[in-house]
Amino acid sequence: MKPPLTQLGHRMSRLTGVRAIMKDIIETLSDAEVEWINLSAGNPVILPEVEQMWRQYGRELLEEPQFGEVVCRYGSSQGYEPLIEAIADTFNTLYGWNLTRRHVLITPGSQSLYFFAANCFGGVSPAGHSQSILLPLSPDYTGYNGACLDPSVLQALQPNIDRLGPHRFKYCPDFDRLQVDDTIGAILFSRPCNPSGNVIATADVERLALVAAQHNIPVLVDSAYAPPFPNLAFTDMDLVWGDNIIHCLSLSKAGLPGERIGIAIAQPELLHPLECFLANAAIHSSRFGQAIAAKAIASGELAQLSKTVIQPHYRHKFERLEAAFDRDMPDDIPWALHAGEGAIFAWLWLEDLPVSDVELYEAIKQEGVILVPGQSFFPGLQEDWVHKRQCLRISLTATVEEIERGVTAIAKVVERTYNKPAFAMAAK
């Protein structure tokens, strides 16, 4: 039977962004005759110390008298009270934010949080005009593409590109392109950024928040990789707090993706519509996951392991990847890595690439290496910007040895691609 889907049903039944190409990646990796180097994965590495912590708190919960009350009953849509208290206490201690329990909302993962927010703040207003969700800097997280029920709501801006050296660069917001008025329902960006690892400067975050506040617009900061957990920032970064800022955290990269724990920290009046949306859509997040997270956060162990285990693991891999690119890539090819400021990916820009990123992805596959073409990471960017087809995302979840072998293979294909006769003639 083929059900009679609505327009919305058709849209939501299609894969968007990088999830669309994951079908090809999964089928490719299923070929057991090839020993693939998988540099595409977004799944965090299972680190023994982190896994042991979650096991320990899981065992404790199983033996406690309140186990039945935690997992055998419904709870508050706002979240599990001990977890809310642990988060408020942690942020008050670390950052002096003076949070109360009403400043915290727990969601079934941060992806659902962006879905709730995108459709609470983006769409048709009560007055009948359209409100967009603005990404002030592109590229950004591909998952935003599927968050808006109306795809036209999502809008993105091209960034400025700061060249940091012959083979390094950094994206920065282009404030000359930024126009904030009542057609914008919310501003959204990730910090550190998936896919590029970019950390928008504190002064730029404050400037965005100030401009938005003048129009009563909320600013959602996707902090899935930020301090204090999982603390995947490789550069100093301050968390910015304000009356119109919604900090959106996740415990996925802190080793708990299966339990779907998202966290929103904001003024209560900003969280209220999101909590109501959550109550209507999903009731509440996993209570088991919330209960063990409460223990890990209240004890301080999660923040400590984030600092001493999770962050060094990925930072070391980025440093080895960076060294491998410097060693293997020819100097006369216009390649550049984005500054390694955080997250679990590296972002490669190949300026004047003679083929598309998807064609290069296919050629690199022939060398036994899987990564992700970059064009899926520009959700909401309407302009036909050639840069969108010149980038690749490389995961840091493989082993160091696999990453270095993968870089060698990538360099080989890139050099061959740029040295094709047609490109060589055009370059002259």
Protein backbone atom coordinates (compact mmCIF):
# COMPACT_ATOMS: atom_id res chain seq x y z
CA MET A 1 0.00 0.00 0.00
CA LYS A 2 1.22 3.46 -0.87
CA PRO A 3 -0.19 5.89 1.72
CA PRO A 4 -1.61 9.26 0.57
CA LEU A 5 1.06 11.56 2.00
CA THR A 6 0.55 15.27 2.44
CA GLN A 7 3.07 17.79 1.12
CA LEU A 8 4.64 17.81 4.57
CA GLY A 9 4.61 14.01 4.65
CA HIS A 10 6.51 13.89 1.37
CA ARG A 11 9.06 16.39 2.65
CA MET A 12 9.65 14.64 5.97
CA SER A 13 9.92 11.20 4.33
CA ARG A 14 12.93 12.34 2.27
CA LEU A 15 16.47 12.36 3.62
CA THR A 16 18.13 15.76 3.60
CA GLY A 17 21.67 17.08 3.76
CA VAL A 18 24.46 14.65 4.52
CA ARG A 19 21.93 11.94 5.43
CA ALA A 20 21.06 11.70 1.75
CA ILE A 21 24.63 10.72 0.82
CA MET A 22 24.94 8.41 3.84
CA LYS A 23 22.91 5.83 1.91
CA ASP A 24 25.75 5.61 -0.63
CA ILE A 25 28.34 5.55 2.15
CA ILE A 26 26.58 2.71 4.00
CA GLU A 27 26.24 0.68 0.80
CA THR A 28 29.90 1.30 -0.03
CA LEU A 29 31.12 0.24 3.42
CA SER A 30 29.08 -2.97 3.17
CA ASP A 31 31.51 -4.23 0.49
CA ALA A 32 33.49 -6.64 2.66
CA GLU A 33 36.06 -7.27 -0.09
CA VAL A 34 37.52 -3.78 0.39
CA GLU A 35 39.34 -2.68 3.55
CA TRP A 36 37.84 0.80 3.73
CA ILE A 37 39.28 3.73 5.64
CA ASN A 38 36.15 5.39 6.99
CA LEU A 39 36.67 9.14 7.42
CA SER A 40 32.95 9.89 7.14
CA ALA A 41 31.61 8.91 10.55
CA GLY A 42 29.95 11.32 12.96
CA ASN A 43 29.56 8.68 15.67
CA PRO A 44 31.87 9.49 18.60
CA VAL A 45 34.67 7.10 19.47
CA ILE A 46 33.86 4.84 22.43
CA LEU A 47 36.61 5.91 24.84
CA PRO A 48 37.17 3.32 27.63
CA GLU A 49 37.28 5.84 30.51
CA VAL A 50 34.07 7.49 29.35
CA GLU A 51 32.27 4.21 28.74
CA GLN A 52 33.30 3.00 32.20
CA MET A 53 31.84 6.13 33.78
CA TRP A 54 28.47 5.58 32.11
CA ARG A 55 28.54 1.88 33.09
CA GLN A 56 29.26 2.79 36.70
CA TYR A 57 26.40 5.26 36.99
CA GLY A 58 24.08 2.89 35.14
CA ARG A 59 24.83 0.13 37.67
CA GLU A 60 24.28 2.51 40.56
CA LEU A 61 20.88 3.52 39.20
CA LEU A 62 19.83 -0.12 38.71
CA GLU A 63 20.52 -0.83 42.40
CA GLU A 64 18.86 2.27 43.84
CA PRO A 65 15.38 2.13 45.43
CA GLN A 66 14.12 4.95 43.18
CA PHE A 67 14.90 3.01 39.97
CA GLY A 68 11.23 2.20 39.46
CA GLU A 69 10.20 5.82 39.98
CA VAL A 70 12.76 6.91 37.38
CA VAL A 71 12.05 4.49 34.52
CA CYS A 72 8.61 3.01 35.28
CA ARG A 73 6.73 6.31 35.44
CA TYR A 74 6.26 9.32 33.25
CA GLY A 75 8.07 12.45 34.32
CA SER A 76 7.99 16.19 33.79
CA SER A 77 8.34 17.46 30.22
CA GLN A 78 10.89 19.97 31.51
CA GLY A 79 13.17 17.13 32.55
CA TYR A 80 14.41 15.03 35.44
CA GLU A 81 14.75 17.31 38.46
CA PRO A 82 18.18 16.10 39.70
CA LEU A 83 19.60 16.63 36.19
CA ILE A 84 18.15 20.13 35.96
CA GLU A 85 19.65 20.98 39.36
CA ALA A 86 23.05 19.50 38.41
CA ILE A 87 23.19 21.57 35.20
CA ALA A 88 22.17 24.80 36.93
CA ASP A 89 24.69 24.23 39.74
CA THR A 90 27.50 23.40 37.29
CA PHE A 91 26.99 26.47 35.12
CA ASN A 92 26.58 28.72 38.15
CA THR A 93 29.83 27.42 39.62
CA LEU A 94 31.83 27.53 36.38
CA TYR A 95 30.43 30.68 34.78
CA GLY A 96 28.51 32.58 37.46
CA TRP A 97 25.26 32.62 35.47
CA ASN A 98 22.84 32.59 38.45
CA LEU A 99 20.58 29.97 36.87
CA THR A 100 17.48 28.58 38.56
CA ARG A 101 15.70 25.36 37.65
CA ARG A 102 13.41 27.37 35.32
CA HIS A 103 16.41 28.26 33.13
CA VAL A 104 16.94 24.62 32.03
CA LEU A 105 15.02 22.36 29.64
CA ILE A 106 15.93 18.75 28.78
CA THR A 107 15.01 17.51 25.28
CA PRO A 108 15.25 14.16 23.44
CA GLY A 109 18.59 15.08 21.88
CA SER A 110 19.62 18.46 20.51
CA GLN A 111 18.30 17.63 17.02
CA SER A 112 14.75 17.67 18.40
CA LEU A 113 15.55 20.95 20.15
CA TYR A 114 16.41 22.60 16.82
CA PHE A 115 13.24 21.14 15.30
CA PHE A 116 11.11 22.61 18.09
CA ALA A 117 12.89 25.97 17.91
CA ALA A 118 12.90 26.24 14.12
CA ASN A 119 9.14 25.76 14.02
CA CYS A 120 8.33 27.84 17.10
CA PHE A 121 10.31 30.84 15.84
CA GLY A 122 10.30 30.25 12.06
CA GLY A 123 7.32 30.19 9.71
CA VAL A 124 4.23 32.37 9.40
CA SER A 125 3.70 34.85 12.25
CA PRO A 126 0.25 35.57 13.80
CA ALA A 127 0.28 38.78 11.73
CA GLY A 128 0.69 36.71 8.57
CA HIS A 129 4.27 37.54 7.57
CA SER A 130 7.09 35.03 7.16
CA GLN A 131 9.79 34.66 9.83
CA SER A 132 13.06 33.03 8.78
CA ILE A 133 15.66 31.10 10.74
CA LEU A 134 18.95 32.81 9.91
CA LEU A 135 22.33 31.09 9.85
CA PRO A 136 24.75 34.03 10.00
CA LEU A 137 27.67 31.99 8.72
CA SER A 138 27.80 29.14 6.21
CA PRO A 139 28.85 26.29 6.13
CA ASP A 140 27.12 24.95 9.21
CA TYR A 141 25.43 21.83 10.57
CA THR A 142 23.59 19.98 7.80
CA GLY A 143 20.91 18.79 10.26
CA TYR A 144 19.38 22.28 10.30
CA ASN A 145 18.18 21.56 6.77
CA GLY A 146 15.59 19.07 8.02
CA ALA A 147 14.54 21.07 11.08
CA CYS A 148 12.18 23.48 9.32
CA LEU A 149 8.78 22.16 8.23
CA ASP A 150 8.81 24.90 5.58
CA PRO A 151 12.21 24.67 3.80
CA SER A 152 12.00 28.28 2.59
CA VAL A 153 12.25 29.44 6.22
CA LEU A 154 15.95 28.57 6.48
CA GLN A 155 18.26 31.35 5.23
CA ALA A 156 22.06 31.51 5.42
CA LEU A 157 24.76 34.08 4.72
CA GLN A 158 28.12 33.71 3.02
CA PRO A 159 31.05 34.29 5.40
CA ASN A 160 34.21 36.28 5.08
CA ILE A 161 37.23 34.02 4.53
CA ASP A 162 40.35 34.97 6.47
CA ARG A 163 43.49 33.42 5.02
CA LEU A 164 45.77 32.48 7.91
CA GLY A 165 48.72 31.30 5.81
CA PRO A 166 49.46 29.44 2.60
CA HIS A 167 47.32 26.44 3.58
CA ARG A 168 45.09 27.61 6.46
CA PHE A 169 41.93 29.72 6.63
CA LYS A 170 39.02 30.65 8.91
CA TYR A 171 35.38 31.62 8.33
CA CYS A 172 34.10 34.80 10.02
CA PRO A 173 30.63 36.41 9.94
CA ASP A 174 30.23 39.05 7.25
CA PHE A 175 28.33 41.75 9.11
CA ASP A 176 27.93 43.76 5.91
CA ARG A 177 25.55 41.02 4.70
CA LEU A 178 23.64 40.87 8.00
CA GLN A 179 20.24 42.57 7.92
CA VAL A 180 18.14 41.97 11.01
CA ASP A 181 14.46 42.95 11.10
CA ASP A 182 11.06 41.47 11.94
CA THR A 183 11.33 38.98 9.04
CA ILE A 184 13.81 37.00 11.14
CA GLY A 185 12.40 34.70 13.82
CA ALA A 186 15.68 33.42 15.26
CA ILE A 187 19.43 33.30 14.62
CA LEU A 188 21.14 29.91 14.81
CA PHE A 189 24.76 28.74 14.56
CA SER A 190 27.04 25.99 15.89
CA ARG A 191 30.09 26.85 18.03
CA PRO A 192 32.39 24.92 17.62
CA CYS A 193 31.05 24.24 14.16
CA ASN A 194 30.18 20.98 12.48
CA PRO A 195 31.63 20.65 9.80
CA SER A 196 34.48 23.18 9.85
CA GLY A 197 35.56 23.22 13.51
CA ASN A 198 35.14 27.00 13.44
CA VAL A 199 34.70 28.86 16.73
CA ILE A 200 33.02 32.20 16.09
CA ALA A 201 34.89 34.86 18.07
CA THR A 202 33.33 35.93 21.37
CA ALA A 203 33.08 39.55 20.18
CA ASP A 204 31.17 38.40 17.07
CA VAL A 205 28.74 36.32 19.18
CA GLU A 206 28.13 39.34 21.42
CA ARG A 207 27.57 41.54 18.37
CA LEU A 208 25.07 39.07 16.87
CA ALA A 209 23.22 38.82 20.19
CA LEU A 210 23.10 42.61 20.58
CA VAL A 211 21.73 43.20 17.08
CA ALA A 212 19.16 40.44 17.56
CA ALA A 213 18.11 41.76 20.99
CA GLN A 214 17.19 45.10 19.43
CA HIS A 215 14.47 43.24 17.51
CA ASN A 216 13.49 40.75 20.29
CA ILE A 217 15.01 37.89 18.32
CA PRO A 218 16.39 34.81 20.12
CA VAL A 219 19.88 33.54 19.30
CA LEU A 220 20.37 29.79 19.48
CA VAL A 221 23.98 28.76 20.05
CA ASP A 222 24.46 25.11 19.12
CA SER A 223 27.01 24.11 21.76
CA ALA A 224 27.08 20.38 21.02
CA TYR A 225 30.91 20.47 21.05
CA ALA A 226 31.42 23.30 23.53
CA PRO A 227 32.65 23.42 27.13
CA PRO A 228 32.09 22.20 29.78
CA PHE A 229 31.03 18.91 28.17
CA PRO A 230 32.13 17.47 25.79
CA ASN A 231 34.59 20.41 25.80
CA LEU A 232 35.72 19.79 22.23
CA ALA A 233 37.17 23.26 21.78
CA PHE A 234 40.85 23.33 20.85
CA THR A 235 41.12 27.08 21.36
CA ASP A 236 40.09 29.34 24.22
CA MET A 237 36.38 30.14 23.96
CA ASP A 238 34.05 31.99 26.29
CA LEU A 239 30.40 31.03 26.63
CA VAL A 240 28.25 34.09 26.04
CA TRP A 241 25.16 34.55 28.20
CA GLY A 242 22.34 37.02 27.58
CA ASP A 243 18.60 37.52 27.85
CA ASN A 244 17.99 36.47 24.23
CA ILE A 245 20.52 33.59 24.03
CA ILE A 246 19.49 29.93 24.10
CA HIS A 247 22.45 27.64 24.75
CA CYS A 248 21.79 24.23 23.18
CA LEU A 249 23.96 21.42 24.53
CA SER A 250 24.14 17.71 23.83
CA LEU A 251 25.61 14.72 25.65
CA SER A 252 26.09 12.77 22.40
CA LYS A 253 29.75 13.63 21.90
CA ALA A 254 30.25 13.14 25.65
CA GLY A 255 29.67 9.44 25.05
CA LEU A 256 25.89 9.17 25.41
CA PRO A 257 24.38 9.50 21.90
CA GLY A 258 22.10 6.49 22.34
CA GLU A 259 20.16 8.05 25.21
CA ARG A 260 19.30 11.27 23.29
CA ILE A 261 19.92 13.97 25.90
CA GLY A 262 19.72 17.57 24.73
CA ILE A 263 19.90 20.58 27.05
CA ALA A 264 18.62 24.12 26.55
CA ILE A 265 19.70 26.92 28.88
CA ALA A 266 17.89 30.24 28.52
CA GLN A 267 15.48 32.66 30.12
CA PRO A 268 12.23 30.88 31.15
CA GLU A 269 10.08 32.86 28.69
CA LEU A 270 12.20 31.53 25.81
CA LEU A 271 12.04 27.93 27.06
CA HIS A 272 8.28 27.89 27.70
CA PRO A 273 7.15 27.46 24.05
CA LEU A 274 9.85 24.85 23.48
CA GLU A 275 8.72 22.88 26.53
CA CYS A 276 5.12 22.97 25.30
CA PHE A 277 6.20 21.79 21.84
CA LEU A 278 8.17 18.97 23.48
CA ALA A 279 5.22 17.96 25.65
CA ASN A 280 2.98 17.73 22.58
CA ALA A 281 5.52 15.91 20.40
CA ALA A 282 7.41 13.53 22.69
CA ILE A 283 6.34 14.04 26.36
CA HIS A 284 9.94 13.96 27.66
CA SER A 285 13.46 12.67 27.08
CA SER A 286 14.74 9.26 28.23
CA ARG A 287 14.52 9.15 32.01
CA PHE A 288 17.25 6.51 32.34
CA GLY A 289 19.67 8.65 30.35
CA GLN A 290 18.72 11.74 32.32
CA ALA A 291 19.26 9.96 35.64
CA ILE A 292 22.77 8.71 34.86
CA ALA A 293 23.65 12.08 33.32
CA ALA A 294 22.57 13.78 36.55
CA LYS A 295 25.07 11.65 38.46
CA ALA A 296 27.93 12.26 36.01
CA ILE A 297 27.37 16.03 35.95
CA ALA A 298 26.71 16.51 39.68
CA SER A 299 29.88 14.60 40.58
CA GLY A 300 31.97 16.74 38.23
CA GLU A 301 33.29 13.59 36.56
CA LEU A 302 31.80 14.32 33.13
CA ALA A 303 33.37 17.77 32.96
CA GLN A 304 36.70 16.34 34.16
CA LEU A 305 36.77 13.50 31.63
CA SER A 306 35.75 15.92 28.89
CA LYS A 307 38.82 18.01 29.71
CA THR A 308 41.34 15.22 30.30
CA VAL A 309 40.18 12.43 27.95
CA ILE A 310 37.67 13.49 25.28
CA GLN A 311 39.24 16.78 24.19
CA PRO A 312 42.88 15.51 24.08
CA HIS A 313 41.80 12.45 22.06
CA TYR A 314 40.41 14.49 19.17
CA ARG A 315 42.89 17.36 19.44
CA HIS A 316 45.78 14.90 19.00
CA LYS A 317 44.12 13.40 15.93
CA PHE A 318 43.62 16.81 14.36
CA GLU A 319 47.27 17.66 14.94
CA ARG A 320 48.36 14.41 13.27
CA LEU A 321 45.98 15.01 10.35
CA GLU A 322 47.29 18.56 9.97
CA ALA A 323 50.89 17.33 9.90
CA ALA A 324 49.99 14.65 7.35
CA PHE A 325 48.42 17.20 5.00
CA ASP A 326 51.47 19.46 5.31
CA ARG A 327 53.68 16.50 4.47
CA ASP A 328 51.70 14.94 1.62
CA MET A 329 49.92 17.77 -0.21
CA PRO A 330 51.86 19.62 -2.93
CA ASP A 331 52.61 23.27 -2.15
CA ASP A 332 51.65 24.44 -5.63
CA ILE A 333 48.04 23.27 -5.28
CA PRO A 334 45.62 25.78 -3.68
CA TRP A 335 44.52 23.64 -0.75
CA ALA A 336 43.71 24.87 2.76
CA LEU A 337 42.54 23.40 6.06
CA HIS A 338 40.17 25.34 8.25
CA ALA A 339 41.79 26.37 11.53
CA GLY A 340 41.43 23.45 13.94
CA GLU A 341 39.44 25.15 16.68
CA GLY A 342 37.19 22.29 17.78
CA ALA A 343 34.65 19.51 17.07
CA ILE A 344 35.50 16.06 15.63
CA PHE A 345 36.07 16.92 11.98
CA ALA A 346 38.59 18.58 9.69
CA TRP A 347 37.44 20.74 6.77
CA LEU A 348 39.45 20.84 3.55
CA TRP A 349 39.03 23.60 0.95
CA LEU A 350 40.34 22.96 -2.57
CA GLU A 351 40.23 26.31 -4.34
CA ASP A 352 39.77 26.20 -8.14
CA LEU A 353 38.97 22.48 -7.90
CA PRO A 354 38.66 21.23 -11.51
CA VAL A 355 35.80 18.84 -10.59
CA SER A 356 32.95 18.97 -8.11
CA ASP A 357 33.29 17.80 -4.51
CA VAL A 358 31.02 14.84 -5.30
CA GLU A 359 33.17 13.81 -8.26
CA LEU A 360 36.27 14.06 -6.07
CA TYR A 361 34.51 11.99 -3.38
CA GLU A 362 33.92 9.27 -5.98
CA ALA A 363 37.56 9.36 -7.07
CA ILE A 364 38.80 9.14 -3.46
CA LYS A 365 36.48 6.17 -2.93
CA GLN A 366 38.46 4.34 -5.62
CA GLU A 367 41.48 4.59 -3.28
CA GLY A 368 39.56 2.88 -0.47
CA VAL A 369 38.79 6.06 1.51
CA ILE A 370 35.33 7.31 2.45
CA LEU A 371 34.72 10.92 3.50
CA VAL A 372 31.87 13.39 2.98
CA PRO A 373 31.56 15.91 0.12
CA GLY A 374 31.03 19.40 1.47
CA GLN A 375 28.07 20.73 -0.49
CA SER A 376 25.55 19.27 2.00
CA PHE A 377 26.86 21.61 4.71
CA PHE A 378 25.48 24.85 3.29
CA PRO A 379 21.80 24.63 4.36
CA GLY A 380 19.79 27.73 3.58
CA LEU A 381 22.46 29.34 1.37
CA GLN A 382 20.62 30.26 -1.83
CA GLU A 383 23.51 31.74 -3.80
CA ASP A 384 25.32 29.55 -6.32
CA TRP A 385 28.65 29.98 -4.55
CA VAL A 386 31.37 27.88 -6.15
CA HIS A 387 33.00 27.39 -2.73
CA LYS A 388 30.15 25.02 -1.85
CA ARG A 389 31.50 22.49 -4.34
CA GLN A 390 35.16 22.77 -3.30
CA CYS A 391 35.17 21.35 0.25
CA LEU A 392 35.40 17.97 1.98
CA ARG A 393 34.61 16.96 5.58
CA ILE A 394 37.04 14.51 7.17
CA SER A 395 36.12 12.73 10.40
CA LEU A 396 38.55 12.40 13.30
CA THR A 397 36.83 9.25 14.58
CA ALA A 398 39.15 6.84 12.75
CA THR A 399 42.47 5.72 14.24
CA VAL A 400 45.54 7.93 13.83
CA GLU A 401 47.06 5.37 11.47
CA GLU A 402 43.91 5.29 9.34
CA ILE A 403 43.72 9.09 9.26
CA GLU A 404 47.34 9.36 8.07
CA ARG A 405 46.85 6.69 5.40
CA GLY A 406 43.64 8.39 4.36
CA VAL A 407 45.34 11.76 3.99
CA THR A 408 48.03 10.18 1.81
CA ALA A 409 45.33 8.75 -0.46
CA ILE A 410 43.44 12.06 -0.58
CA ALA A 411 46.63 13.92 -1.49
CA LYS A 412 47.34 11.44 -4.28
CA VAL A 413 43.88 11.91 -5.83
CA VAL A 414 43.94 15.69 -5.40
CA GLU A 415 47.34 16.00 -7.09
CA ARG A 416 46.20 13.81 -9.96
CA THR A 417 43.00 15.84 -10.34
CA TYR A 418 44.74 19.21 -10.49
CA ASN A 419 47.40 17.90 -12.85
CA LYS A 420 44.95 16.78 -15.51
CA PRO A 421 45.88 18.38 -18.86
CA ALA A 422 42.64 20.39 -19.09
CA PHE A 423 43.24 22.04 -15.73
CA ALA A 424 46.91 22.61 -16.41
CA MET A 425 46.07 24.44 -19.65
CA ALA A 426 43.45 26.59 -17.89
CA ALA A 427 45.87 27.44 -15.09
CA LYS A 428 48.35 28.80 -17.63
